Protein backbone atom coordinates (compact mmCIF):
# COMPACT_ATOMS: atom_id res chain seq x y z
CA MET A 1 38.67 66.15 -0.03
CA TYR A 2 38.58 62.29 0.48
CA GLY A 3 36.67 61.88 -2.74
CA LEU A 4 39.17 63.75 -4.86
CA ARG A 5 41.51 61.85 -7.10
CA ILE A 6 45.11 62.98 -6.59
CA LEU A 7 47.51 62.74 -9.67
CA GLN A 8 51.19 62.65 -8.96
CA THR A 9 54.21 61.73 -10.86
CA VAL A 10 57.17 60.12 -9.39
CA PRO A 11 60.79 60.80 -10.78
CA ARG A 12 63.10 57.97 -11.95
CA GLY A 13 64.78 56.43 -8.93
CA ALA A 14 62.10 57.53 -6.41
CA SER A 15 62.16 55.78 -2.84
CA ILE A 16 59.80 52.97 -2.00
CA ALA A 17 58.07 55.34 0.43
CA ALA A 18 57.36 57.83 -2.59
CA LEU A 19 55.86 54.85 -4.51
CA ALA A 20 53.61 53.84 -1.74
CA MET A 21 52.47 57.46 -1.31
CA VAL A 22 51.68 57.80 -4.85
CA ALA A 23 49.74 54.53 -4.89
CA ALA A 24 47.63 55.90 -2.00
CA GLY A 25 46.74 59.01 -4.21
CA ALA A 26 46.18 57.01 -7.32
CA SER A 27 43.56 55.02 -5.38
CA GLY A 28 41.45 58.14 -4.99
CA GLN A 29 42.31 58.93 -1.38
CA LEU A 30 44.63 61.31 0.23
CA PRO A 31 48.16 59.79 0.69
CA SER A 32 48.00 59.71 4.38
CA VAL A 33 48.14 55.90 4.76
CA PRO A 34 50.96 54.56 2.55
CA VAL A 35 50.94 51.04 1.06
CA GLY A 36 52.50 48.61 3.65
CA ALA A 37 51.03 50.58 6.55
CA ILE A 38 49.50 48.23 9.26
CA VAL A 39 46.57 49.91 10.99
CA ALA A 40 43.84 48.72 13.47
CA TYR A 41 40.39 48.34 11.96
CA SER A 42 37.33 48.20 14.23
CA GLY A 43 34.65 47.57 11.59
CA ARG A 44 33.14 44.54 9.89
CA LEU A 45 35.48 43.00 7.45
CA ALA A 46 32.70 42.77 4.79
CA GLU A 47 32.70 46.59 4.89
CA MET A 48 36.56 47.10 4.87
CA PRO A 49 37.95 49.18 2.04
CA PRO A 50 39.22 47.15 -0.85
CA SER A 51 42.72 48.82 -0.55
CA PHE A 52 43.13 46.91 2.66
CA GLN A 53 43.65 43.19 3.54
CA LEU A 54 43.38 41.37 6.85
CA CYS A 55 46.81 40.58 8.36
CA ASP A 56 46.33 36.73 8.41
CA GLY A 57 49.40 35.50 6.63
CA ARG A 58 47.73 34.84 3.31
CA LEU A 59 49.75 34.61 0.25
CA TYR A 60 50.20 37.40 -2.26
CA THR A 61 51.96 37.75 -5.51
CA GLN A 62 54.06 40.65 -7.04
CA GLU A 63 51.45 40.74 -9.90
CA GLN A 64 48.53 41.13 -7.42
CA TYR A 65 50.05 43.93 -5.46
CA PRO A 66 53.08 45.40 -7.10
CA VAL A 67 53.71 48.37 -4.89
CA LEU A 68 53.18 46.18 -1.72
CA TRP A 69 55.72 43.80 -3.05
CA THR A 70 58.22 46.74 -3.49
CA VAL A 71 57.60 47.80 0.06
CA ILE A 72 57.53 44.53 2.07
CA GLY A 73 58.48 41.80 -0.41
CA THR A 74 58.95 38.47 1.57
CA GLN A 75 59.74 40.04 4.83
CA TRP A 76 56.81 38.44 6.45
CA GLY A 77 57.34 35.10 4.91
CA LYS A 78 57.69 33.36 1.47
CA GLY A 79 55.17 31.27 -0.55
CA ASP A 80 54.81 27.36 -0.32
CA VAL A 81 55.89 24.74 -2.65
CA ALA A 82 52.77 25.51 -4.90
CA HIS A 83 53.64 29.15 -4.90
CA PRO A 84 57.47 29.47 -4.77
CA THR A 85 57.58 33.22 -6.02
CA ALA A 86 54.88 34.44 -3.71
CA GLY A 87 55.11 36.43 -0.37
CA ARG A 88 52.84 36.59 2.59
CA LEU A 89 51.09 39.31 4.34
CA PRO A 90 51.75 39.64 8.05
CA ASN A 91 50.10 37.27 10.32
CA LEU A 92 48.97 39.20 13.36
CA THR A 93 46.03 37.11 14.41
CA GLY A 94 45.89 37.34 18.15
CA ARG A 95 49.38 39.09 18.59
CA PHE A 96 50.69 42.27 19.73
CA LEU A 97 53.01 44.66 17.74
CA ARG A 98 56.41 45.58 19.14
CA GLY A 99 58.84 48.23 17.68
CA VAL A 100 62.17 46.97 16.11
CA ASP A 101 64.97 47.33 18.41
CA ALA A 102 68.14 47.00 16.49
CA ALA A 103 70.08 48.77 19.23
CA HIS A 104 68.83 46.22 21.91
CA ALA A 105 67.95 49.22 24.09
CA VAL A 106 64.58 47.72 25.27
CA ASP A 107 64.42 44.15 23.71
CA PRO A 108 67.49 42.06 25.05
CA ASP A 109 66.67 39.16 22.80
CA ALA A 110 66.22 40.99 19.47
CA ASP A 111 68.94 38.88 17.85
CA ALA A 112 67.16 35.61 18.81
CA ARG A 113 63.78 36.58 17.05
CA VAL A 114 62.63 34.07 14.45
CA ALA A 115 60.56 34.34 11.27
CA SER A 116 56.97 34.85 11.80
CA LEU A 117 56.24 32.66 8.73
CA PRO A 118 58.76 30.41 6.87
CA GLY A 119 61.15 32.36 4.86
CA GLY A 120 60.65 35.65 6.52
CA ASN A 121 63.00 37.93 8.28
CA THR A 122 64.96 36.92 11.30
CA GLY A 123 66.77 38.88 14.15
CA ALA A 124 66.15 42.71 14.90
CA ARG A 125 64.14 43.28 11.89
CA VAL A 126 60.50 43.99 10.72
CA GLY A 127 58.24 40.96 10.59
CA THR A 128 60.09 38.71 13.15
CA LEU A 129 58.44 36.83 16.00
CA GLU A 130 59.34 36.43 19.59
CA GLY A 131 57.80 33.50 21.49
CA TYR A 132 56.57 33.28 25.14
CA ALA A 133 59.02 34.62 27.55
CA THR A 134 58.93 34.97 31.38
CA ALA A 135 61.30 37.22 33.30
CA LEU A 136 61.89 36.96 37.14
CA PRO A 137 59.04 38.60 39.15
CA ARG A 138 59.64 42.12 40.19
CA ALA A 139 57.55 41.51 43.46
CA GLY A 140 57.47 38.45 45.75
CA PHE A 141 54.74 35.77 45.52
CA VAL A 142 53.66 32.91 47.76
CA THR A 143 54.05 29.27 47.04
CA GLY A 144 51.20 26.66 47.40
CA ILE A 145 50.94 24.23 50.28
CA GLU A 146 53.81 21.51 50.19
CA ASP A 147 52.39 18.16 49.57
CA THR A 148 55.41 16.33 48.10
CA PRO A 149 56.61 13.65 50.77
CA HIS A 150 59.97 14.45 52.17
CA THR A 151 61.76 14.24 55.66
CA HIS A 152 63.90 16.35 57.86
CA VAL A 153 66.33 14.61 60.35
CA VAL A 154 65.83 15.69 64.00
CA VAL A 155 68.81 15.87 66.27
CA VAL A 156 68.45 15.71 70.06
CA ASN A 157 71.05 17.97 71.74
CA GLY A 158 69.71 17.67 75.37
CA SER A 159 69.63 15.01 77.93
CA ASN A 160 66.97 12.35 78.60
CA GLU A 161 64.67 13.06 81.41
CA GLY A 162 65.10 10.62 84.25
CA GLY A 163 62.48 8.30 85.67
CA PRO A 164 60.63 5.25 84.72
CA ASN A 165 59.83 4.61 80.90
CA PHE A 166 56.26 2.99 80.55
CA TYR A 167 56.65 2.30 76.82
CA ASP A 168 60.22 0.86 76.57
CA SER A 169 62.75 -0.79 78.91
CA GLY A 170 65.22 2.10 78.58
CA PRO A 171 65.81 4.45 81.46
CA GLY A 172 64.88 7.68 79.81
CA ARG A 173 61.55 8.83 79.11
CA GLY A 174 61.83 11.94 76.87
CA VAL A 175 63.88 15.08 76.24
CA ALA A 176 64.65 17.23 79.12
CA ASP A 177 65.03 20.50 77.18
CA PRO A 178 63.03 20.49 73.97
CA THR A 179 64.49 24.04 73.13
CA THR A 180 67.67 22.29 72.10
CA VAL A 181 66.08 20.06 69.39
CA THR A 182 67.21 21.06 65.93
CA VAL A 183 66.08 20.02 62.43
CA SER A 184 68.76 19.31 59.94
CA ASP A 185 68.87 20.83 56.52
CA ASN A 186 66.78 19.02 53.90
CA THR A 187 68.70 16.63 51.84
CA GLN A 188 65.84 15.17 49.69
CA GLY A 189 65.06 17.16 46.42
CA HIS A 190 61.61 18.35 46.30
CA THR A 191 59.48 21.16 44.78
CA HIS A 192 56.92 23.65 45.65
CA GLN A 193 53.99 24.37 43.53
CA VAL A 194 53.15 27.86 42.53
CA ILE A 195 49.34 28.05 42.63
CA GLY A 196 46.92 30.28 40.56
CA GLY A 197 47.71 32.10 37.46
CA ASP A 198 46.14 32.10 34.07
CA LYS A 199 46.81 30.71 30.63
CA GLU A 200 48.94 33.63 29.45
CA THR A 201 50.54 36.91 30.66
CA THR A 202 49.15 40.03 28.98
CA PRO A 203 48.28 43.55 29.75
CA ILE A 204 44.71 44.85 29.76
CA ASN A 205 43.77 44.79 26.12
CA VAL A 206 40.88 45.00 23.61
CA ALA A 207 40.59 43.22 20.29
CA VAL A 208 40.75 44.79 16.77
CA HIS A 209 41.47 43.62 13.19
CA TRP A 210 45.05 44.39 12.18
CA VAL A 211 44.80 45.24 8.49
CA ILE A 212 47.61 46.14 5.99
CA ARG A 213 47.26 48.62 3.02
CA VAL A 214 47.90 46.58 -0.02
CA LYS A 215 47.14 48.98 -3.01
């Protein structure tokens, strides 16, 4: 069935989704993957079907991929000075995907999302980027050994032990009741170093090529 050419007609005023599905059929394949769909590809790029392109942020034009332009336009970024009317394919190199959360049910910072490439969408919309973020830990952790110099004031609340003092001319020679020695609150600012950790925080993952259907 995948080798059959599917001929379809689209009425005037058809939706973008319909255009994309017809384009899939016109390419000689079943219209199961519409133009603009992003999928994971595990093969060699040299053997990737010509109807797909790598999601690496490259420029594309309306003339080059007219149906794709209708579907995504410049949501993922606009062209540069030399190509002002161009758009960009998604740039998903080394990135995870996350569902759009316009209702802020899961993504509390959805409105603060920025364009993944210059000129692209912002806010809780397709194609936007969220940078590194770290929430408070849900479980406790241990800090490293304190090596920043600082002091604590010791206050003696007991009396001096009577008897001769061999190291000074004073009458006392020590603290009579060491259990009454208290340490004041620290008044010097200092930090504790959290040791360990990796270069980034990620779940267990495997690498694939993110590709987009362009025609």
